[in-house]
PDB file of N, CA and C in Angstrom:
ATOM      1  N   MET A   1      20.430 -23.873  11.160  1.00  0.00           N
ATOM      2  CA  MET A   1      20.409 -22.646  10.681  1.00  0.00           C
ATOM      3  C   MET A   1      19.383 -22.462   9.972  1.00  0.00           C
ATOM      4  N   ALA A   2      19.018 -20.671  10.211  1.00  0.00           N
ATOM      5  CA  ALA A   2      17.410 -20.818   9.906  1.00  0.00           C
ATOM      6  C   ALA A   2      17.320 -19.987   8.239  1.00  0.00           C
ATOM      7  N   ILE A   3      15.946 -20.346   7.826  1.00  0.00           N
ATOM      8  CA  ILE A   3      16.282 -19.966   6.507  1.00  0.00           C
ATOM      9  C   ILE A   3      15.418 -18.391   5.596  1.00  0.00           C
ATOM     10  N   VAL A   4      16.403 -17.987   5.299  1.00  0.00           N
ATOM     11  CA  VAL A   4      15.762 -16.353   5.032  1.00  0.00           C
ATOM     12  C   VAL A   4      14.478 -16.702   3.593  1.00  0.00           C
ATOM     13  N   SER A   5      13.040 -16.422   3.713  1.00  0.00           N
ATOM     14  CA  SER A   5      12.896 -16.008   2.654  1.00  0.00           C
ATOM     15  C   SER A   5      13.219 -14.838   1.538  1.00  0.00           C
ATOM     16  N   SER A   6      13.090 -15.523   0.377  1.00  0.00           N
ATOM     17  CA  SER A   6      13.978 -14.429  -0.381  1.00  0.00           C
ATOM     18  C   SER A   6      12.553 -13.567  -1.051  1.00  0.00           C
ATOM     19  N   SER A   7      11.733 -13.175  -0.309  1.00  0.00           N
ATOM     20  CA  SER A   7      10.630 -11.889  -0.423  1.00  0.00           C
ATOM     21  C   SER A   7      11.616 -11.043   0.943  1.00  0.00           C
ATOM     22  N   ILE A   8      12.268 -10.825   2.029  1.00  0.00           N
ATOM     23  CA  ILE A   8      12.286 -10.487   2.651  1.00  0.00           C
ATOM     24  C   ILE A   8      14.138  -9.536   2.174  1.00  0.00           C
ATOM     25  N   VAL A   9      14.017  -8.614   2.469  1.00  0.00           N
ATOM     26  CA  VAL A   9      15.417  -7.442   2.053  1.00  0.00           C
ATOM     27  C   VAL A   9      15.453  -6.677   3.236  1.00  0.00           C
ATOM     28  N   THR A  10      16.524  -6.694   2.831  1.00  0.00           N
ATOM     29  CA  THR A  10      17.434  -5.846   3.750  1.00  0.00           C
ATOM     30  C   THR A  10      17.490  -3.956   3.695  1.00  0.00           C
ATOM     31  N   ARG A  11      17.498  -3.401   4.305  1.00  0.00           N
ATOM     32  CA  ARG A  11      17.251  -2.524   3.980  1.00  0.00           C
ATOM     33  C   ARG A  11      18.160  -0.964   4.771  1.00  0.00           C
ATOM     34  N   ASN A  12      19.016  -0.562   4.645  1.00  0.00           N
ATOM     35  CA  ASN A  12      20.074   0.783   5.584  1.00  0.00           C
ATOM     36  C   ASN A  12      18.861   1.896   6.085  1.00  0.00           C
ATOM     37  N   MET A  13      18.605   1.447   7.095  1.00  0.00           N
ATOM     38  CA  MET A  13      17.631   2.697   7.549  1.00  0.00           C
ATOM     39  C   MET A  13      18.487   3.942   7.524  1.00  0.00           C
ATOM     40  N   ALA A  14      19.114   3.969   7.181  1.00  0.00           N
ATOM     41  CA  ALA A  14      19.702   5.693   6.964  1.00  0.00           C
ATOM     42  C   ALA A  14      18.961   5.872   5.692  1.00  0.00           C
ATOM     43  N   ASP A  15      19.079   5.377   4.077  1.00  0.00           N
ATOM     44  CA  ASP A  15      18.266   5.834   3.186  1.00  0.00           C
ATOM     45  C   ASP A  15      16.773   6.133   3.739  1.00  0.00           C
ATOM     46  N   PHE A  16      16.500   5.272   5.104  1.00  0.00           N
ATOM     47  CA  PHE A  16      14.973   6.084   4.905  1.00  0.00           C
ATOM     48  C   PHE A  16      14.839   8.068   5.705  1.00  0.00           C
ATOM     49  N   ALA A  17      16.199   7.812   6.090  1.00  0.00           N
ATOM     50  CA  ALA A  17      16.499   8.902   6.682  1.00  0.00           C
ATOM     51  C   ALA A  17      16.675  10.273   6.084  1.00  0.00           C
ATOM     52  N   GLU A  18      16.933   9.675   5.113  1.00  0.00           N
ATOM     53  CA  GLU A  18      17.352  11.009   3.784  1.00  0.00           C
ATOM     54  C   GLU A  18      16.489  12.287   3.449  1.00  0.00           C
ATOM     55  N   GLN A  19      15.380  11.140   3.338  1.00  0.00           N
ATOM     56  CA  GLN A  19      14.065  12.695   2.613  1.00  0.00           C
ATOM     57  C   GLN A  19      13.850  13.276   3.780  1.00  0.00           C
ATOM     58  N   THR A  20      13.300  13.150   4.652  1.00  0.00           N
ATOM     59  CA  THR A  20      12.633  13.950   6.024  1.00  0.00           C
ATOM     60  C   THR A  20      13.603  13.939   7.290  1.00  0.00           C
ATOM     61  N   GLY A  21      14.786  13.546   7.526  1.00  0.00           N
ATOM     62  CA  GLY A  21      15.887  13.882   8.407  1.00  0.00           C
ATOM     63  C   GLY A  21      15.168  12.698   9.619  1.00  0.00           C
ATOM     64  N   ASN A  22      14.044  12.396   9.451  1.00  0.00           N
ATOM     65  CA  ASN A  22      13.845  11.677  10.399  1.00  0.00           C
ATOM     66  C   ASN A  22      13.939  10.092  10.144  1.00  0.00           C
ATOM     67  N   VAL A  23      14.581   9.095  10.643  1.00  0.00           N
ATOM     68  CA  VAL A  23      13.598   7.529  10.180  1.00  0.00           C
ATOM     69  C   VAL A  23      12.279   7.300  10.037  1.00  0.00           C
ATOM     70  N   TYR A  24      11.752   7.402  12.111  1.00  0.00           N
ATOM     71  CA  TYR A  24      10.507   7.566  12.392  1.00  0.00           C
ATOM     72  C   TYR A  24       9.291   7.892  11.393  1.00  0.00           C
ATOM     73  N   LYS A  25       9.821   9.460  10.750  1.00  0.00           N
ATOM     74  CA  LYS A  25       9.226  10.139   9.992  1.00  0.00           C
ATOM     75  C   LYS A  25       8.743   9.689   8.714  1.00  0.00           C
ATOM     76  N   SER A  26      10.031   9.001   8.383  1.00  0.00           N
ATOM     77  CA  SER A  26       9.654   8.385   6.940  1.00  0.00           C
ATOM     78  C   SER A  26       9.011   6.840   6.875  1.00  0.00           C
ATOM     79  N   VAL A  27       9.109   5.600   8.712  1.00  0.00           N
ATOM     80  CA  VAL A  27       8.515   5.270   8.474  1.00  0.00           C
ATOM     81  C   VAL A  27       6.999   5.735   8.162  1.00  0.00           C
ATOM     82  N   ALA A  28       6.655   6.710   9.336  1.00  0.00           N
ATOM     83  CA  ALA A  28       5.223   7.396   9.133  1.00  0.00           C
ATOM     84  C   ALA A  28       4.648   7.611   7.737  1.00  0.00           C
ATOM     85  N   VAL A  29       5.498   8.195   6.793  1.00  0.00           N
ATOM     86  CA  VAL A  29       4.776   8.304   5.585  1.00  0.00           C
ATOM     87  C   VAL A  29       4.859   6.766   5.126  1.00  0.00           C
ATOM     88  N   ILE A  30       5.698   5.929   5.280  1.00  0.00           N
ATOM     89  CA  ILE A  30       5.575   5.304   3.870  1.00  0.00           C
ATOM     90  C   ILE A  30       3.606   4.447   4.736  1.00  0.00           C
ATOM     91  N   SER A  31       3.944   4.286   5.434  1.00  0.00           N
ATOM     92  CA  SER A  31       2.689   3.296   6.569  1.00  0.00           C
ATOM     93  C   SER A  31       1.175   4.185   6.281  1.00  0.00           C
ATOM     94  N   LYS A  32       1.021   5.577   5.845  1.00  0.00           N
ATOM     95  CA  LYS A  32       0.350   6.956   5.614  1.00  0.00           C
ATOM     96  C   LYS A  32       0.116   5.631   3.926  1.00  0.00           C
ATOM     97  N   ARG A  33       1.621   6.456   2.890  1.00  0.00           N
ATOM     98  CA  ARG A  33       1.316   5.865   1.735  1.00  0.00           C
ATOM     99  C   ARG A  33       0.780   4.865   1.519  1.00  0.00           C
ATOM    100  N   ALA A  34       1.020   2.969   2.251  1.00  0.00           N
ATOM    101  CA  ALA A  34       0.979   1.454   2.062  1.00  0.00           C
ATOM    102  C   ALA A  34      -0.803   1.765   2.260  1.00  0.00           C
ATOM    103  N   ASN A  35      -1.334   2.155   3.290  1.00  0.00           N
ATOM    104  CA  ASN A  35      -2.835   2.490   3.211  1.00  0.00           C
ATOM    105  C   ASN A  35      -3.448   3.113   2.215  1.00  0.00           C
ATOM    106  N   GLN A  36      -2.860   3.861   1.731  1.00  0.00           N
ATOM    107  CA  GLN A  36      -3.596   4.693   0.104  1.00  0.00           C
ATOM    108  C   GLN A  36      -3.463   3.533  -0.358  1.00  0.00           C
ATOM    109  N   ILE A  37      -2.575   2.948  -0.516  1.00  0.00           N
ATOM    110  CA  ILE A  37      -2.049   2.163  -1.666  1.00  0.00           C
ATOM    111  C   ILE A  37      -3.285   0.826  -1.186  1.00  0.00           C
ATOM    112  N   SER A  38      -3.174  -0.030  -0.261  1.00  0.00           N
ATOM    113  CA  SER A  38      -4.018  -0.661   0.370  1.00  0.00           C
ATOM    114  C   SER A  38      -5.536  -0.344  -0.594  1.00  0.00           C
ATOM    115  N   VAL A  39      -5.971   0.590   0.149  1.00  0.00           N
ATOM    116  CA  VAL A  39      -7.535   1.556  -0.111  1.00  0.00           C
ATOM    117  C   VAL A  39      -7.959   0.996  -1.626  1.00  0.00           C
ATOM    118  N   LYS A  40      -6.993   1.827  -2.093  1.00  0.00           N
ATOM    119  CA  LYS A  40      -7.267   1.721  -3.901  1.00  0.00           C
ATOM    120  C   LYS A  40      -7.253   0.237  -4.852  1.00  0.00           C
ATOM    121  N   LEU A  41      -5.759  -0.347  -3.943  1.00  0.00           N
ATOM    122  CA  LEU A  41      -6.344  -1.566  -4.123  1.00  0.00           C
ATOM    123  C   LEU A  41      -7.361  -2.552  -4.031  1.00  0.00           C
ATOM    124  N   LYS A  42      -8.187  -2.601  -2.554  1.00  0.00           N
ATOM    125  CA  LYS A  42      -9.235  -3.006  -2.368  1.00  0.00           C
ATOM    126  C   LYS A  42     -10.521  -2.189  -3.112  1.00  0.00           C
ATOM    127  N   GLU A  43     -10.403  -1.477  -3.110  1.00  0.00           N
ATOM    128  CA  GLU A  43     -11.646  -1.236  -4.293  1.00  0.00           C
ATOM    129  C   GLU A  43     -11.797  -1.638  -5.767  1.00  0.00           C
ATOM    130  N   GLU A  44      -9.887  -1.568  -5.983  1.00  0.00           N
ATOM    131  CA  GLU A  44     -10.280  -1.931  -7.615  1.00  0.00           C
ATOM    132  C   GLU A  44     -11.003  -2.941  -7.636  1.00  0.00           C
ATOM    133  N   LEU A  45     -10.782  -3.977  -6.695  1.00  0.00           N
ATOM    134  CA  LEU A  45     -11.005  -5.519  -6.679  1.00  0.00           C
ATOM    135  C   LEU A  45     -11.967  -5.704  -6.181  1.00  0.00           C
ATOM    136  N   ASN A  46     -12.975  -4.951  -5.587  1.00  0.00           N
ATOM    137  CA  ASN A  46     -14.163  -5.108  -5.186  1.00  0.00           C
ATOM    138  C   ASN A  46     -15.231  -4.865  -6.145  1.00  0.00           C
ATOM    139  N   SER A  47     -14.495  -3.555  -6.799  1.00  0.00           N
ATOM    140  CA  SER A  47     -15.350  -2.879  -8.400  1.00  0.00           C
ATOM    141  C   SER A  47     -15.298  -4.568  -8.988  1.00  0.00           C
ATOM    142  N   LYS A  48     -14.182  -4.832  -9.544  1.00  0.00           N
ATOM    143  CA  LYS A  48     -14.180  -5.748 -10.501  1.00  0.00           C
ATOM    144  C   LYS A  48     -14.517  -7.600 -10.528  1.00  0.00           C
ATOM    145  N   LEU A  49     -14.844  -7.547  -9.053  1.00  0.00           N
ATOM    146  CA  LEU A  49     -15.644  -8.865  -8.113  1.00  0.00           C
ATOM    147  C   LEU A  49     -17.109  -8.249  -8.699  1.00  0.00           C
ATOM    148  N   ALA A  50     -17.511  -7.002  -8.117  1.00  0.00           N
ATOM    149  CA  ALA A  50     -19.136  -6.340  -8.074  1.00  0.00           C
ATOM    150  C   ALA A  50     -19.440  -7.003  -9.972  1.00  0.00           C
ATOM    151  N   GLU A  51     -18.788  -6.792 -10.678  1.00  0.00           N
ATOM    152  CA  GLU A  51     -19.358  -6.928 -12.038  1.00  0.00           C
ATOM    153  C   GLU A  51     -19.290  -8.307 -12.512  1.00  0.00           C
ATOM    154  N   PHE A  52     -19.085  -9.077 -11.049  1.00  0.00           N
ATOM    155  CA  PHE A  52     -19.821 -10.926 -11.870  1.00  0.00           C
ATOM    156  C   PHE A  52     -20.776 -11.009  -9.896  1.00  0.00           C
ATOM    157  N   ALA A  53     -21.190 -10.122  -9.351  1.00  0.00           N
ATOM    158  CA  ALA A  53     -22.159 -10.792  -8.384  1.00  0.00           C
ATOM    159  C   ALA A  53     -22.986 -11.212  -9.351  1.00  0.00           C
ATOM    160  N   THR A  54     -23.632 -12.320  -8.315  1.00  0.00           N
ATOM    161  CA  THR A  54     -25.043 -12.659  -8.964  1.00  0.00           C
ATOM    162  C   THR A  54     -26.389 -12.759  -7.265  1.00  0.00           C
ATOM    163  N   THR A  55     -27.058 -11.771  -7.357  1.00  0.00           N
ATOM    164  CA  THR A  55     -27.919 -11.912  -6.419  1.00  0.00           C
ATOM    165  C   THR A  55     -28.583 -13.288  -6.035  1.00  0.00           C
ATOM    166  N   VAL A  56     -28.078 -13.866  -4.912  1.00  0.00           N
ATOM    167  CA  VAL A  56     -28.986 -15.323  -4.665  1.00  0.00           C
ATOM    168  C   VAL A  56     -29.792 -15.084  -3.143  1.00  0.00           C
ATOM    169  N   ASP A  57     -31.033 -15.671  -3.251  1.00  0.00           N
ATOM    170  CA  ASP A  57     -32.266 -15.532  -2.121  1.00  0.00           C
ATOM    171  C   ASP A  57     -31.178 -16.272  -1.101  1.00  0.00           C
ATOM    172  N   ASN A  58     -30.654 -17.631  -0.929  1.00  0.00           N
ATOM    173  CA  ASN A  58     -30.223 -18.445  -0.284  1.00  0.00           C
ATOM    174  C   ASN A  58     -28.753 -17.577   0.349  1.00  0.00           C
ATOM    175  N   LEU A  59     -28.848 -17.036   1.156  1.00  0.00           N
ATOM    176  CA  LEU A  59     -27.176 -16.791   1.817  1.00  0.00           C
ATOM    177  C   LEU A  59     -25.920 -17.707   2.019  1.00  0.00           C
ATOM    178  N   GLU A  60     -27.136 -19.008   2.067  1.00  0.00           N
ATOM    179  CA  GLU A  60     -25.816 -20.249   2.224  1.00  0.00           C
ATOM    180  C   GLU A  60     -25.065 -20.288   1.225  1.00  0.00           C
ATOM    181  N   GLU A  61     -25.167 -20.624   0.591  1.00  0.00           N
ATOM    182  CA  GLU A  61     -25.380 -20.558  -1.240  1.00  0.00           C
ATOM    183  C   GLU A  61     -23.782 -18.920  -2.108  1.00  0.00           C
ATOM    184  N   VAL A  62     -23.441 -19.984  -2.169  1.00  0.00           N
ATOM    185  CA  VAL A  62     -22.140 -18.615  -2.661  1.00  0.00           C
ATOM    186  C   VAL A  62     -21.826 -19.737  -3.836  1.00  0.00           C
ATOM    187  N   PHE A  63     -21.686 -18.571  -4.937  1.00  0.00           N
ATOM    188  CA  PHE A  63     -21.504 -18.574  -6.295  1.00  0.00           C
ATOM    189  C   PHE A  63     -20.086 -18.247  -6.529  1.00  0.00           C
ATOM    190  N   GLU A  64     -19.093 -18.493  -7.640  1.00  0.00           N
ATOM    191  CA  GLU A  64     -18.074 -18.549  -7.844  1.00  0.00           C
ATOM    192  C   GLU A  64     -17.779 -18.628  -8.544  1.00  0.00           C
ATOM    193  N   ASN A  65     -17.455 -17.817  -9.844  1.00  0.00           N
ATOM    194  CA  ASN A  65     -17.147 -18.118 -11.376  1.00  0.00           C
ATOM    195  C   ASN A  65     -15.694 -18.212 -11.557  1.00  0.00           C
ATOM    196  N   ARG A  66     -15.077 -18.496 -12.345  1.00  0.00           N
ATOM    197  CA  ARG A  66     -13.434 -18.984 -12.450  1.00  0.00           C
ATOM    198  C   ARG A  66     -13.090 -17.360 -13.033  1.00  0.00           C
ATOM    199  N   GLU A  67     -13.457 -16.285 -13.207  1.00  0.00           N
ATOM    200  CA  GLU A  67     -13.218 -15.080 -13.584  1.00  0.00           C
ATOM    201  C   GLU A  67     -12.884 -14.487 -12.338  1.00  0.00           C
ATOM    202  N   GLN A  68     -14.016 -14.831 -11.331  1.00  0.00           N
ATOM    203  CA  GLN A  68     -13.857 -13.841  -9.732  1.00  0.00           C
ATOM    204  C   GLN A  68     -12.748 -14.787  -9.248  1.00  0.00           C
ATOM    205  N   ILE A  69     -12.711 -15.924  -9.353  1.00  0.00           N
ATOM    206  CA  ILE A  69     -11.117 -17.112  -8.936  1.00  0.00           C
ATOM    207  C   ILE A  69      -9.910 -16.271  -9.785  1.00  0.00           C
ATOM    208  N   GLU A  70     -10.083 -16.094 -11.055  1.00  0.00           N
ATOM    209  CA  GLU A  70      -9.207 -15.317 -11.408  1.00  0.00           C
ATOM    210  C   GLU A  70      -8.417 -14.357 -11.296  1.00  0.00           C
ATOM    211  N   ILE A  71      -8.874 -13.152 -10.654  1.00  0.00           N
ATOM    212  CA  ILE A  71      -9.229 -11.737 -10.788  1.00  0.00           C
ATOM    213  C   ILE A  71      -8.605 -12.169  -9.277  1.00  0.00           C
ATOM    214  N   SER A  72      -9.319 -12.395  -8.141  1.00  0.00           N
ATOM    215  CA  SER A  72      -8.647 -12.853  -6.447  1.00  0.00           C
ATOM    216  C   SER A  72      -7.148 -13.356  -6.654  1.00  0.00           C
ATOM    217  N   LYS A  73      -6.671 -13.970  -7.629  1.00  0.00           N
ATOM    218  CA  LYS A  73      -5.589 -14.960  -7.374  1.00  0.00           C
ATOM    219  C   LYS A  73      -4.175 -13.915  -7.553  1.00  0.00           C
ATOM    220  N   TYR A  74      -5.115 -12.977  -8.908  1.00  0.00           N
ATOM    221  CA  TYR A  74      -3.970 -11.894  -9.539  1.00  0.00           C
ATOM    222  C   TYR A  74      -3.899 -10.652  -8.998  1.00  0.00           C
ATOM    223  N   TYR A  75      -4.776 -10.339  -7.377  1.00  0.00           N
ATOM    224  CA  TYR A  75      -4.665  -9.056  -6.943  1.00  0.00           C
ATOM    225  C   TYR A  75      -4.343  -9.858  -5.737  1.00  0.00           C
ATOM    226  N   GLU A  76      -3.239 -11.217  -5.500  1.00  0.00           N
ATOM    227  CA  GLU A  76      -2.978 -11.773  -4.140  1.00  0.00           C
ATOM    228  C   GLU A  76      -1.537 -11.886  -4.616  1.00  0.00           C
ATOM    229  N   ARG A  77      -1.691 -12.049  -5.903  1.00  0.00           N
ATOM    230  CA  ARG A  77       0.103 -12.397  -6.320  1.00  0.00           C
ATOM    231  C   ARG A  77       0.657 -10.771  -6.683  1.00  0.00           C
ATOM    232  N   LEU A  78      -0.419  -9.820  -6.243  1.00  0.00           N
ATOM    233  CA  LEU A  78       0.645  -8.176  -6.290  1.00  0.00           C
ATOM    234  C   LEU A  78       1.482  -7.677  -5.654  1.00  0.00           C
ATOM    235  N   PRO A  79       2.516  -7.185  -5.675  1.00  0.00           N
ATOM    236  CA  PRO A  79       3.366  -6.605  -4.454  1.00  0.00           C
ATOM    237  C   PRO A  79       2.843  -6.707  -3.428  1.00  0.00           C
ATOM    238  N   LYS A  80       3.256  -6.459  -1.911  1.00  0.00           N
ATOM    239  CA  LYS A  80       2.125  -5.948  -1.050  1.00  0.00           C
ATOM    240  C   LYS A  80       2.212  -4.090  -0.909  1.00  0.00           C
ATOM    241  N   PRO A  81       1.291  -4.342  -0.119  1.00  0.00           N
ATOM    242  CA  PRO A  81       1.289  -2.223  -0.538  1.00  0.00           C
ATOM    243  C   PRO A  81       2.337  -1.627   0.385  1.00  0.00           C
ATOM    244  N   THR A  82       2.624  -2.258   1.205  1.00  0.00           N
ATOM    245  CA  THR A  82       4.350  -1.882   2.456  1.00  0.00           C
ATOM    246  C   THR A  82       5.354  -1.625   1.096  1.00  0.00           C
ATOM    247  N   ASN A  83       5.563  -3.248   0.551  1.00  0.00           N
ATOM    248  CA  ASN A  83       6.837  -3.104  -0.483  1.00  0.00           C
ATOM    249  C   ASN A  83       6.462  -1.951  -1.416  1.00  0.00           C
ATOM    250  N   LEU A  84       5.351  -1.938  -2.170  1.00  0.00           N
ATOM    251  CA  LEU A  84       5.381  -0.599  -3.293  1.00  0.00           C
ATOM    252  C   LEU A  84       5.110   0.942  -2.404  1.00  0.00           C
ATOM    253  N   ALA A  85       5.097   1.155  -1.637  1.00  0.00           N
ATOM    254  CA  ALA A  85       5.194   2.119  -0.661  1.00  0.00           C
ATOM    255  C   ALA A  85       6.711   2.079  -0.621  1.00  0.00           C
ATOM    256  N   ILE A  86       7.400   1.998   0.112  1.00  0.00           N
ATOM    257  CA  ILE A  86       8.486   1.342   0.536  1.00  0.00           C
ATOM    258  C   ILE A  86       9.514   2.281  -0.875  1.00  0.00           C
ATOM    259  N   GLU A  87       9.013   1.667  -2.211  1.00  0.00           N
ATOM    260  CA  GLU A  87       9.985   1.810  -3.052  1.00  0.00           C
ATOM    261  C   GLU A  87       9.530   3.134  -3.705  1.00  0.00           C
ATOM    262  N   GLU A  88       8.512   3.365  -3.769  1.00  0.00           N
ATOM    263  CA  GLU A  88       7.890   4.772  -3.714  1.00  0.00           C
ATOM    264  C   GLU A  88       8.900   5.826  -3.230  1.00  0.00           C
ATOM    265  N   PHE A  89       9.407   5.844  -2.000  1.00  0.00           N
ATOM    266  CA  PHE A  89       9.298   6.586  -1.316  1.00  0.00           C
ATOM    267  C   PHE A  89      11.036   6.510  -1.441  1.00  0.00           C
ATOM    268  N   LEU A  90      11.595   5.579  -1.594  1.00  0.00           N
ATOM    269  CA  LEU A  90      13.031   5.716  -1.745  1.00  0.00           C
ATOM    270  C   LEU A  90      13.641   6.071  -3.250  1.00  0.00           C
ATOM    271  N   GLU A  91      12.511   5.747  -3.989  1.00  0.00           N
ATOM    272  CA  GLU A  91      12.599   6.331  -5.666  1.00  0.00           C
ATOM    273  C   GLU A  91      12.020   7.772  -5.447  1.00  0.00           C
ATOM    274  N   GLU A  92      11.494   8.667  -4.518  1.00  0.00           N
ATOM    275  CA  GLU A  92      11.260   9.686  -3.897  1.00  0.00           C
ATOM    276  C   GLU A  92      10.356  10.272  -5.011  1.00  0.00           C
ATOM    277  N   LYS A  93       9.527   9.260  -5.242  1.00  0.00           N
ATOM    278  CA  LYS A  93       7.751   9.235  -6.037  1.00  0.00           C
ATOM    279  C   LYS A  93       6.589   9.902  -4.944  1.00  0.00           C
ATOM    280  N   VAL A  94       7.188   9.992  -3.772  1.00  0.00           N
ATOM    281  CA  VAL A  94       6.182  10.336  -2.720  1.00  0.00           C
ATOM    282  C   VAL A  94       6.754  12.193  -2.063  1.00  0.00           C
ATOM    283  N   TYR A  95       5.099  12.311  -2.056  1.00  0.00           N
ATOM    284  CA  TYR A  95       5.812  14.193  -1.772  1.00  0.00           C
ATOM    285  C   TYR A  95       5.316  14.351  -0.364  1.00  0.00           C
ATOM    286  N   VAL A  96       6.126  14.812   0.218  1.00  0.00           N
ATOM    287  CA  VAL A  96       6.340  14.317   2.177  1.00  0.00           C
ATOM    288  C   VAL A  96       6.574  15.964   2.110  1.00  0.00           C
ATOM    289  N   ARG A  97       4.573  16.109   2.855  1.00  0.00           N
ATOM    290  CA  ARG A  97       5.320  17.487   3.263  1.00  0.00           C
ATOM    291  C   ARG A  97       4.692  17.402   5.226  1.00  0.00           C
ATOM    292  N   THR A  98       5.136  18.582   5.465  1.00  0.00           N
ATOM    293  CA  THR A  98       4.592  18.854   7.147  1.00  0.00           C
ATOM    294  C   THR A  98       3.502  19.841   7.541  1.00  0.00           C
ATOM    295  N   PRO A  99       2.318  19.500   8.154  1.00  0.00           N
ATOM    296  CA  PRO A  99       1.978  20.694   7.987  1.00  0.00           C
ATOM    297  C   PRO A  99       2.175  21.861   8.834  1.00  0.00           C
ATOM    298  N   ASP A 100       2.975  21.459   9.833  1.00  0.00           N
ATOM    299  CA  ASP A 100       3.448  21.986  11.230  1.00  0.00           C
ATOM    300  C   ASP A 100       4.400  23.022  10.184  1.00  0.00           C
ATOM    301  N   GLU A 101       5.438  22.847   9.851  1.00  0.00           N
ATOM    302  CA  GLU A 101       6.540  23.918   8.930  1.00  0.00           C
ATOM    303  C   GLU A 101       6.164  24.491   7.829  1.00  0.00           C
ATOM    304  N   GLU A 102       4.639  24.217   6.933  1.00  0.00           N
ATOM    305  CA  GLU A 102       4.023  25.736   6.265  1.00  0.00           C
ATOM    306  C   GLU A 102       3.456  26.292   7.179  1.00  0.00           C
ATOM    307  N   THR A 103       2.922  26.375   7.819  1.00  0.00           N
ATOM    308  CA  THR A 103       2.168  27.305   8.484  1.00  0.00           C
ATOM    309  C   THR A 103       3.484  28.022   9.709  1.00  0.00           C
ATOM    310  N   GLN A 104       4.738  27.577  10.351  1.00  0.00           N
ATOM    311  CA  GLN A 104       5.789  28.417  10.906  1.00  0.00           C
ATOM    312  C   GLN A 104       5.946  29.641   9.389  1.00  0.00           C
ATOM    313  N   GLU A 105       6.204  29.042   7.824  1.00  0.00           N
ATOM    314  CA  GLU A 105       6.847  29.872   7.163  1.00  0.00           C
ATOM    315  C   GLU A 105       5.320  30.445   6.779  1.00  0.00           C
ATOM    316  N   GLU A 106       4.764  30.276   6.856  1.00  0.00           N
ATOM    317  CA  GLU A 106       3.882  31.412   6.183  1.00  0.00           C
ATOM    318  C   GLU A 106       3.442  32.405   7.241  1.00  0.00           C
ATOM    319  N   THR A 107       3.924  32.247   8.764  1.00  0.00           N
ATOM    320  CA  THR A 107       3.730  33.151   9.474  1.00  0.00           C
ATOM    321  C   THR A 107       4.954  34.224   9.808  1.00  0.00           C
ATOM    322  N   SER A 108       5.619  33.465   9.144  1.00  0.00           N
ATOM    323  CA  SER A 108       7.009  34.170   8.370  1.00  0.00           C
ATOM    324  C   SER A 108       7.308  35.216   7.380  1.00  0.00           C
ATOM    325  N   LEU A 109       6.320  34.787   6.890  1.00  0.00           N
ATOM    326  CA  LEU A 109       6.870  36.042   6.192  1.00  0.00           C
ATOM    327  C   LEU A 109       5.934  37.279   5.869  1.00  0.00           C
TER     328      LEU A 109
END
């Protein structure tokens, strides 16, 4: 008997196709949004850790203080960017636009 992680969620693929009409296009949109979220979180984390950075002449010595460790642990416990992107997409919080369709609409006017 296989043990399934409680963090695994079974999803209906038809839910993904509702907004775009295509499952693959939806996955591409979710992927791009997950990358955006990931970059944003990484920038936040780096800026918060930079506040505690100390310059050391010896490269072998790395000093980490308690605040840095707590901040890192906080970000590790956050939901993964992919999960956040999926939830945003399914809740229709992600604006989906297709440049090809926009140019076709402009030329037909």
